[in-house]
Amino acid sequence: MNPILNAFRKIKTLEKVFLCLTLLTVILKFIFRYTVTTEILMSSLILGVLYFPLGFLYIGKPSVNRSYIVSIIYGFCYAIGVVTLIYGAAGIEGFDVPLYVAFFFLSLVVVFLLFKLKSFDKEYIYTQFIRIGFIILGNLIILIFSKR
C-alpha cells in the first residue's frame, strides 16, 4: 500500500485535481443522475490537454537515463481514453466503439509497463497504473450506467 501512496503523491497537484473532478462529475451524472455534462466536458478537456501536448511535463520520464518519448506516447493513449470519456458523457450514440479502441490502447500500455518493470522506476509505473485506473473506471461507469 505504501508504494501506491508514494506513487499517488508523485502525481502533480493540478493533474490530481482534474482526475478527481472528472471522476466525481462522471459519478454524479451517471450514477446519481445530476446534470453536470458541462463540468465533465471542461474537466476532461483540461485533463486531455495535460496528457497529450503536456505529457512530457505531467507524466515525466520513466527513469533518469530515459527520454520523454515514452511519456508522450503514454499521454497520447491517455488522451484517447479521456476523449472517449467526453464522447460518452456527451451522449453521442455509438460511443462504445471508440471506447473499445481506447481500452485496446490502454491495455497495450499496461502490457508494455509490465515488461518494463525491471528497467523503469517503480513509482513511475505505479503512477501510470493509477492514471489508467482512473480513465478506465470513468469509462466503465459511463458504459455501464448510460444503458439504463
N, C-alpha and C. Protein backbone atom coordinates (compact mmCIF):
# COMPACT_ATOMS: atom_id res chain seq x y z
N MET A 1 0.82 -1.19 0.00
CA MET A 1 0.00 0.00 0.00
C MET A 1 0.86 1.25 0.00
N ASN A 2 1.99 1.21 0.67
CA ASN A 2 2.87 2.37 0.74
C ASN A 2 3.42 2.77 -0.63
N PRO A 3 3.84 1.84 -1.50
CA PRO A 3 4.31 2.28 -2.83
C PRO A 3 3.21 2.95 -3.66
N ILE A 4 1.98 2.52 -3.50
CA ILE A 4 0.89 3.13 -4.25
C ILE A 4 0.63 4.55 -3.75
N LEU A 5 0.69 4.75 -2.43
CA LEU A 5 0.51 6.10 -1.89
C LEU A 5 1.65 7.01 -2.31
N ASN A 6 2.87 6.49 -2.32
CA ASN A 6 4.00 7.29 -2.79
C ASN A 6 3.84 7.65 -4.27
N ALA A 7 3.33 6.71 -5.04
CA ALA A 7 3.10 6.98 -6.47
C ALA A 7 2.00 8.03 -6.65
N PHE A 8 0.96 7.97 -5.82
CA PHE A 8 -0.11 8.96 -5.91
C PHE A 8 0.40 10.34 -5.50
N ARG A 9 1.30 10.40 -4.56
CA ARG A 9 1.91 11.67 -4.17
C ARG A 9 2.79 12.24 -5.27
N LYS A 10 3.31 11.37 -6.11
CA LYS A 10 4.19 11.81 -7.19
C LYS A 10 3.43 12.47 -8.34
N ILE A 11 2.14 12.20 -8.45
CA ILE A 11 1.32 12.86 -9.47
C ILE A 11 1.16 14.32 -9.08
N LYS A 12 1.29 15.20 -10.06
CA LYS A 12 1.23 16.64 -9.78
C LYS A 12 -0.17 17.05 -9.34
N THR A 13 -0.22 18.10 -8.55
CA THR A 13 -1.47 18.53 -7.91
C THR A 13 -2.54 18.89 -8.93
N LEU A 14 -2.19 19.61 -9.97
CA LEU A 14 -3.18 20.00 -10.97
C LEU A 14 -3.80 18.78 -11.64
N GLU A 15 -2.98 17.79 -11.93
CA GLU A 15 -3.50 16.56 -12.53
C GLU A 15 -4.39 15.81 -11.55
N LYS A 16 -4.01 15.76 -10.28
CA LYS A 16 -4.86 15.10 -9.27
C LYS A 16 -6.22 15.77 -9.19
N VAL A 17 -6.23 17.09 -9.21
CA VAL A 17 -7.48 17.83 -9.12
C VAL A 17 -8.40 17.47 -10.28
N PHE A 18 -7.86 17.49 -11.50
CA PHE A 18 -8.72 17.22 -12.66
C PHE A 18 -9.05 15.74 -12.80
N LEU A 19 -8.19 14.84 -12.35
CA LEU A 19 -8.56 13.42 -12.32
C LEU A 19 -9.74 13.20 -11.38
N CYS A 20 -9.64 13.73 -10.18
CA CYS A 20 -10.72 13.54 -9.20
C CYS A 20 -11.98 14.28 -9.61
N LEU A 21 -11.84 15.47 -10.19
CA LEU A 21 -13.01 16.23 -10.62
C LEU A 21 -13.73 15.52 -11.76
N THR A 22 -12.97 14.99 -12.69
CA THR A 22 -13.58 14.26 -13.80
C THR A 22 -14.31 13.03 -13.30
N LEU A 23 -13.67 12.25 -12.43
CA LEU A 23 -14.30 11.05 -11.91
C LEU A 23 -15.53 11.39 -11.06
N LEU A 24 -15.44 12.45 -10.26
CA LEU A 24 -16.58 12.86 -9.44
C LEU A 24 -17.77 13.29 -10.29
N THR A 25 -17.51 14.06 -11.33
CA THR A 25 -18.62 14.50 -12.18
C THR A 25 -19.22 13.36 -12.98
N VAL A 26 -18.41 12.41 -13.38
CA VAL A 26 -18.94 11.23 -14.08
C VAL A 26 -19.83 10.43 -13.13
N ILE A 27 -19.39 10.26 -11.89
CA ILE A 27 -20.20 9.54 -10.89
C ILE A 27 -21.51 10.29 -10.64
N LEU A 28 -21.43 11.60 -10.49
CA LEU A 28 -22.65 12.38 -10.24
C LEU A 28 -23.63 12.30 -11.41
N LYS A 29 -23.11 12.34 -12.62
CA LYS A 29 -24.01 12.32 -13.78
C LYS A 29 -24.62 10.95 -14.03
N PHE A 30 -23.82 9.92 -13.98
CA PHE A 30 -24.30 8.62 -14.44
C PHE A 30 -24.83 7.73 -13.33
N ILE A 31 -24.40 7.92 -12.11
CA ILE A 31 -24.93 7.09 -11.03
C ILE A 31 -26.04 7.82 -10.29
N PHE A 32 -25.83 9.12 -9.99
CA PHE A 32 -26.83 9.87 -9.22
C PHE A 32 -27.72 10.76 -10.07
N ARG A 33 -27.51 10.75 -11.39
CA ARG A 33 -28.36 11.42 -12.38
C ARG A 33 -28.45 12.94 -12.21
N TYR A 34 -27.36 13.59 -11.82
CA TYR A 34 -27.29 15.04 -11.83
C TYR A 34 -26.90 15.50 -13.22
N THR A 35 -27.21 16.74 -13.56
CA THR A 35 -26.86 17.25 -14.88
C THR A 35 -25.56 18.06 -14.78
N VAL A 36 -24.46 17.38 -14.95
CA VAL A 36 -23.15 18.03 -14.87
C VAL A 36 -22.34 17.77 -16.14
N THR A 37 -23.00 17.78 -17.27
CA THR A 37 -22.32 17.47 -18.53
C THR A 37 -21.25 18.51 -18.86
N THR A 38 -21.52 19.77 -18.62
CA THR A 38 -20.55 20.82 -18.92
C THR A 38 -19.30 20.66 -18.06
N GLU A 39 -19.48 20.32 -16.81
CA GLU A 39 -18.33 20.14 -15.91
C GLU A 39 -17.49 18.94 -16.33
N ILE A 40 -18.15 17.87 -16.80
CA ILE A 40 -17.42 16.71 -17.29
C ILE A 40 -16.60 17.10 -18.51
N LEU A 41 -17.22 17.83 -19.42
CA LEU A 41 -16.53 18.21 -20.64
C LEU A 41 -15.33 19.12 -20.35
N MET A 42 -15.51 20.10 -19.48
CA MET A 42 -14.42 21.03 -19.19
C MET A 42 -13.27 20.36 -18.44
N SER A 43 -13.59 19.59 -17.41
CA SER A 43 -12.51 18.94 -16.66
C SER A 43 -11.81 17.87 -17.51
N SER A 44 -12.55 17.19 -18.34
CA SER A 44 -11.94 16.17 -19.21
C SER A 44 -11.09 16.80 -20.29
N LEU A 45 -11.53 17.92 -20.84
CA LEU A 45 -10.73 18.61 -21.86
C LEU A 45 -9.41 19.10 -21.27
N ILE A 46 -9.46 19.66 -20.09
CA ILE A 46 -8.22 20.12 -19.45
C ILE A 46 -7.32 18.93 -19.14
N LEU A 47 -7.91 17.84 -18.68
CA LEU A 47 -7.12 16.63 -18.40
C LEU A 47 -6.50 16.07 -19.68
N GLY A 48 -7.25 16.08 -20.77
CA GLY A 48 -6.70 15.62 -22.05
C GLY A 48 -5.55 16.49 -22.53
N VAL A 49 -5.65 17.80 -22.33
CA VAL A 49 -4.56 18.70 -22.71
C VAL A 49 -3.34 18.46 -21.82
N LEU A 50 -3.57 18.17 -20.55
CA LEU A 50 -2.45 17.85 -19.67
C LEU A 50 -1.74 16.58 -20.10
N TYR A 51 -2.47 15.66 -20.70
CA TYR A 51 -1.86 14.40 -21.10
C TYR A 51 -1.16 14.44 -22.44
N PHE A 52 -1.84 14.93 -23.47
CA PHE A 52 -1.16 14.80 -24.77
C PHE A 52 -0.15 15.90 -25.06
N PRO A 53 -0.52 17.14 -25.20
CA PRO A 53 0.57 18.05 -25.54
C PRO A 53 1.54 18.27 -24.38
N LEU A 54 1.05 18.18 -23.16
CA LEU A 54 1.91 18.43 -22.00
C LEU A 54 2.31 17.15 -21.28
N GLY A 55 2.26 16.02 -21.97
CA GLY A 55 2.60 14.74 -21.34
C GLY A 55 4.01 14.67 -20.82
N PHE A 56 4.93 15.34 -21.50
CA PHE A 56 6.31 15.31 -21.04
C PHE A 56 6.46 16.02 -19.71
N LEU A 57 5.61 16.99 -19.43
CA LEU A 57 5.69 17.75 -18.19
C LEU A 57 4.96 17.05 -17.05
N TYR A 58 3.77 16.53 -17.32
CA TYR A 58 2.95 15.96 -16.25
C TYR A 58 3.19 14.47 -16.02
N ILE A 59 3.60 13.76 -17.03
CA ILE A 59 3.84 12.33 -16.85
C ILE A 59 5.28 12.07 -16.41
N GLY A 60 6.22 12.82 -16.93
CA GLY A 60 7.60 12.70 -16.51
C GLY A 60 8.35 11.62 -17.27
N LYS A 61 9.63 11.47 -16.92
CA LYS A 61 10.48 10.46 -17.56
C LYS A 61 10.41 9.15 -16.79
N PRO A 62 10.54 8.02 -17.48
CA PRO A 62 10.49 6.73 -16.80
C PRO A 62 11.66 6.50 -15.85
N SER A 63 12.81 7.02 -16.17
CA SER A 63 13.96 6.94 -15.28
C SER A 63 14.94 8.04 -15.68
N VAL A 64 16.01 8.15 -14.95
CA VAL A 64 16.93 9.26 -15.16
C VAL A 64 17.57 9.21 -16.54
N ASN A 65 17.94 8.05 -17.01
CA ASN A 65 18.65 7.93 -18.28
C ASN A 65 17.72 7.68 -19.47
N ARG A 66 16.44 7.99 -19.35
CA ARG A 66 15.47 7.79 -20.43
C ARG A 66 15.04 9.14 -20.99
N SER A 67 14.37 9.10 -22.14
CA SER A 67 13.86 10.33 -22.75
C SER A 67 12.36 10.47 -22.47
N TYR A 68 11.81 11.58 -22.97
CA TYR A 68 10.39 11.85 -22.78
C TYR A 68 9.51 11.21 -23.84
N ILE A 69 10.06 10.50 -24.79
CA ILE A 69 9.29 9.92 -25.89
C ILE A 69 8.22 8.96 -25.36
N VAL A 70 8.59 8.12 -24.42
CA VAL A 70 7.65 7.14 -23.86
C VAL A 70 6.50 7.87 -23.16
N SER A 71 6.80 8.93 -22.44
CA SER A 71 5.76 9.67 -21.74
C SER A 71 4.81 10.37 -22.70
N ILE A 72 5.32 10.83 -23.82
CA ILE A 72 4.46 11.47 -24.81
C ILE A 72 3.52 10.44 -25.45
N ILE A 73 4.03 9.24 -25.70
CA ILE A 73 3.18 8.17 -26.25
C ILE A 73 2.12 7.76 -25.23
N TYR A 74 2.52 7.63 -23.95
CA TYR A 74 1.53 7.33 -22.91
C TYR A 74 0.48 8.43 -22.84
N GLY A 75 0.92 9.68 -22.90
CA GLY A 75 -0.01 10.81 -22.85
C GLY A 75 -0.99 10.78 -24.00
N PHE A 76 -0.54 10.37 -25.18
CA PHE A 76 -1.45 10.24 -26.33
C PHE A 76 -2.49 9.16 -26.06
N CYS A 77 -2.06 8.02 -25.53
CA CYS A 77 -3.02 6.93 -25.21
C CYS A 77 -4.00 7.37 -24.13
N TYR A 78 -3.51 8.10 -23.12
CA TYR A 78 -4.41 8.58 -22.06
C TYR A 78 -5.38 9.62 -22.61
N ALA A 79 -4.91 10.45 -23.52
CA ALA A 79 -5.79 11.46 -24.12
C ALA A 79 -6.89 10.78 -24.95
N ILE A 80 -6.56 9.68 -25.61
CA ILE A 80 -7.59 8.93 -26.33
C ILE A 80 -8.64 8.42 -25.35
N GLY A 81 -8.21 7.91 -24.20
CA GLY A 81 -9.14 7.45 -23.18
C GLY A 81 -10.02 8.57 -22.65
N VAL A 82 -9.44 9.75 -22.47
CA VAL A 82 -10.22 10.90 -21.99
C VAL A 82 -11.19 11.38 -23.06
N VAL A 83 -10.80 11.33 -24.32
CA VAL A 83 -11.71 11.73 -25.41
C VAL A 83 -12.90 10.78 -25.48
N THR A 84 -12.68 9.49 -25.28
CA THR A 84 -13.82 8.58 -25.27
C THR A 84 -14.72 8.84 -24.06
N LEU A 85 -14.13 9.30 -22.97
CA LEU A 85 -14.93 9.68 -21.81
C LEU A 85 -15.81 10.88 -22.15
N ILE A 86 -15.25 11.85 -22.83
CA ILE A 86 -16.02 13.02 -23.28
C ILE A 86 -17.12 12.60 -24.26
N TYR A 87 -16.75 11.74 -25.17
CA TYR A 87 -17.68 11.24 -26.19
C TYR A 87 -18.86 10.52 -25.53
N GLY A 88 -18.59 9.70 -24.53
CA GLY A 88 -19.66 9.01 -23.83
C GLY A 88 -20.48 9.92 -22.95
N ALA A 89 -19.84 10.91 -22.31
CA ALA A 89 -20.57 11.82 -21.44
C ALA A 89 -21.48 12.75 -22.21
N ALA A 90 -21.13 13.02 -23.46
CA ALA A 90 -21.97 13.88 -24.29
C ALA A 90 -23.21 13.13 -24.78
N GLY A 91 -23.23 11.82 -24.63
CA GLY A 91 -24.40 11.04 -25.00
C GLY A 91 -24.48 10.75 -26.49
N ILE A 92 -23.37 10.79 -27.16
CA ILE A 92 -23.35 10.51 -28.60
C ILE A 92 -23.56 9.01 -28.81
N GLU A 93 -24.45 8.69 -29.72
CA GLU A 93 -24.76 7.29 -29.99
C GLU A 93 -23.55 6.59 -30.59
N GLY A 94 -23.30 5.38 -30.16
CA GLY A 94 -22.20 4.59 -30.68
C GLY A 94 -20.85 4.90 -30.06
N PHE A 95 -20.86 5.43 -28.83
CA PHE A 95 -19.59 5.78 -28.19
C PHE A 95 -18.83 4.56 -27.71
N ASP A 96 -19.47 3.40 -27.71
CA ASP A 96 -18.79 2.21 -27.20
C ASP A 96 -17.70 1.71 -28.15
N VAL A 97 -17.80 1.98 -29.44
CA VAL A 97 -16.76 1.54 -30.38
C VAL A 97 -15.43 2.26 -30.12
N PRO A 98 -15.40 3.61 -30.01
CA PRO A 98 -14.14 4.25 -29.66
C PRO A 98 -13.65 3.87 -28.26
N LEU A 99 -14.60 3.53 -27.40
CA LEU A 99 -14.22 3.10 -26.05
C LEU A 99 -13.44 1.79 -26.10
N TYR A 100 -13.86 0.87 -26.94
CA TYR A 100 -13.13 -0.39 -27.08
C TYR A 100 -11.75 -0.17 -27.68
N VAL A 101 -11.64 0.80 -28.59
CA VAL A 101 -10.33 1.14 -29.16
C VAL A 101 -9.43 1.72 -28.07
N ALA A 102 -9.99 2.59 -27.23
CA ALA A 102 -9.21 3.16 -26.13
C ALA A 102 -8.78 2.08 -25.15
N PHE A 103 -9.68 1.15 -24.85
CA PHE A 103 -9.31 0.04 -23.95
C PHE A 103 -8.18 -0.79 -24.56
N PHE A 104 -8.20 -0.96 -25.87
CA PHE A 104 -7.12 -1.69 -26.54
C PHE A 104 -5.79 -0.96 -26.37
N PHE A 105 -5.78 0.35 -26.61
CA PHE A 105 -4.54 1.11 -26.46
C PHE A 105 -4.06 1.13 -25.01
N LEU A 106 -4.98 1.27 -24.07
CA LEU A 106 -4.59 1.27 -22.67
C LEU A 106 -4.09 -0.11 -22.22
N SER A 107 -4.65 -1.16 -22.78
CA SER A 107 -4.14 -2.49 -22.45
C SER A 107 -2.76 -2.71 -23.04
N LEU A 108 -2.47 -2.13 -24.20
CA LEU A 108 -1.11 -2.18 -24.75
C LEU A 108 -0.12 -1.46 -23.84
N VAL A 109 -0.54 -0.33 -23.28
CA VAL A 109 0.32 0.40 -22.34
C VAL A 109 0.57 -0.44 -21.10
N VAL A 110 -0.47 -1.10 -20.59
CA VAL A 110 -0.30 -1.95 -19.41
C VAL A 110 0.66 -3.09 -19.69
N VAL A 111 0.52 -3.74 -20.82
CA VAL A 111 1.41 -4.85 -21.17
C VAL A 111 2.85 -4.34 -21.30
N PHE A 112 3.03 -3.18 -21.94
CA PHE A 112 4.37 -2.61 -22.07
C PHE A 112 4.96 -2.29 -20.71
N LEU A 113 4.15 -1.73 -19.81
CA LEU A 113 4.64 -1.40 -18.46
C LEU A 113 5.01 -2.66 -17.68
N LEU A 114 4.25 -3.72 -17.87
CA LEU A 114 4.58 -4.96 -17.17
C LEU A 114 5.91 -5.54 -17.65
N PHE A 115 6.21 -5.37 -18.93
CA PHE A 115 7.51 -5.83 -19.43
C PHE A 115 8.66 -4.94 -18.99
N LYS A 116 8.37 -3.70 -18.67
CA LYS A 116 9.41 -2.75 -18.28
C LYS A 116 9.52 -2.59 -16.77
N LEU A 117 8.97 -3.51 -15.99
CA LEU A 117 9.02 -3.40 -14.54
C LEU A 117 10.44 -3.32 -14.00
N LYS A 118 11.35 -4.00 -14.61
CA LYS A 118 12.73 -4.02 -14.11
C LYS A 118 13.52 -2.78 -14.50
N SER A 119 13.24 -2.21 -15.68
CA SER A 119 14.08 -1.11 -16.16
C SER A 119 13.54 0.28 -15.80
N PHE A 120 12.24 0.43 -15.54
CA PHE A 120 11.67 1.72 -15.17
C PHE A 120 11.58 1.80 -13.65
N ASP A 121 11.46 3.04 -13.14
CA ASP A 121 11.25 3.24 -11.71
C ASP A 121 9.88 2.68 -11.31
N LYS A 122 9.82 2.09 -10.13
CA LYS A 122 8.55 1.51 -9.66
C LYS A 122 7.47 2.57 -9.48
N GLU A 123 7.85 3.71 -8.91
CA GLU A 123 6.85 4.76 -8.70
C GLU A 123 6.30 5.28 -10.02
N TYR A 124 7.14 5.35 -11.04
CA TYR A 124 6.69 5.77 -12.36
C TYR A 124 5.65 4.80 -12.91
N ILE A 125 5.90 3.52 -12.77
CA ILE A 125 4.96 2.51 -13.27
C ILE A 125 3.67 2.55 -12.47
N TYR A 126 3.77 2.72 -11.16
CA TYR A 126 2.56 2.79 -10.34
C TYR A 126 1.72 4.04 -10.67
N THR A 127 2.38 5.16 -10.96
CA THR A 127 1.62 6.35 -11.34
C THR A 127 0.90 6.13 -12.67
N GLN A 128 1.53 5.39 -13.57
CA GLN A 128 0.86 5.08 -14.84
C GLN A 128 -0.36 4.20 -14.61
N PHE A 129 -0.24 3.23 -13.70
CA PHE A 129 -1.37 2.36 -13.39
C PHE A 129 -2.50 3.15 -12.72
N ILE A 130 -2.16 4.14 -11.90
CA ILE A 130 -3.18 4.97 -11.28
C ILE A 130 -3.92 5.77 -12.35
N ARG A 131 -3.19 6.36 -13.28
CA ARG A 131 -3.82 7.13 -14.36
C ARG A 131 -4.73 6.25 -15.22
N ILE A 132 -4.22 5.08 -15.58
CA ILE A 132 -5.01 4.15 -16.39
C ILE A 132 -6.25 3.70 -15.61
N GLY A 133 -6.10 3.46 -14.33
CA GLY A 133 -7.24 3.06 -13.50
C GLY A 133 -8.33 4.12 -13.46
N PHE A 134 -7.95 5.39 -13.31
CA PHE A 134 -8.93 6.46 -13.31
C PHE A 134 -9.67 6.54 -14.64
N ILE A 135 -8.93 6.45 -15.73
CA ILE A 135 -9.55 6.56 -17.05
C ILE A 135 -10.48 5.38 -17.31
N ILE A 136 -10.04 4.20 -16.99
CA ILE A 136 -10.88 3.01 -17.21
C ILE A 136 -12.10 3.03 -16.30
N LEU A 137 -11.93 3.42 -15.05
CA LEU A 137 -13.06 3.48 -14.14
C LEU A 137 -14.12 4.47 -14.63
N GLY A 138 -13.69 5.65 -15.06
CA GLY A 138 -14.64 6.63 -15.58
C GLY A 138 -15.37 6.13 -16.81
N ASN A 139 -14.63 5.51 -17.72
CA ASN A 139 -15.26 4.98 -18.93
C ASN A 139 -16.19 3.81 -18.64
N LEU A 140 -15.82 2.97 -17.70
CA LEU A 140 -16.71 1.86 -17.34
C LEU A 140 -17.99 2.34 -16.68
N ILE A 141 -17.90 3.38 -15.86
CA ILE A 141 -19.11 3.94 -15.25
C ILE A 141 -20.04 4.46 -16.34
N ILE A 142 -19.48 5.15 -17.32
CA ILE A 142 -20.31 5.66 -18.42
C ILE A 142 -20.90 4.51 -19.22
N LEU A 143 -20.09 3.50 -19.50
CA LEU A 143 -20.56 2.37 -20.31
C LEU A 143 -21.67 1.59 -19.59
N ILE A 144 -21.51 1.37 -18.32
CA ILE A 144 -22.48 0.56 -17.58
C ILE A 144 -23.75 1.34 -17.29
N PHE A 145 -23.64 2.57 -16.80
CA PHE A 145 -24.81 3.29 -16.32
C PHE A 145 -25.50 4.14 -17.38
N SER A 146 -24.95 4.25 -18.57
CA SER A 146 -25.65 5.02 -19.60
C SER A 146 -26.66 4.17 -20.35
N LYS A 147 -26.67 2.87 -20.14
CA LYS A 147 -27.57 1.97 -20.87
C LYS A 147 -28.94 1.88 -20.22
N ARG A 148 -29.12 2.50 -19.08
CA ARG A 148 -30.41 2.41 -18.41
C ARG A 148 -31.50 3.14 -19.12
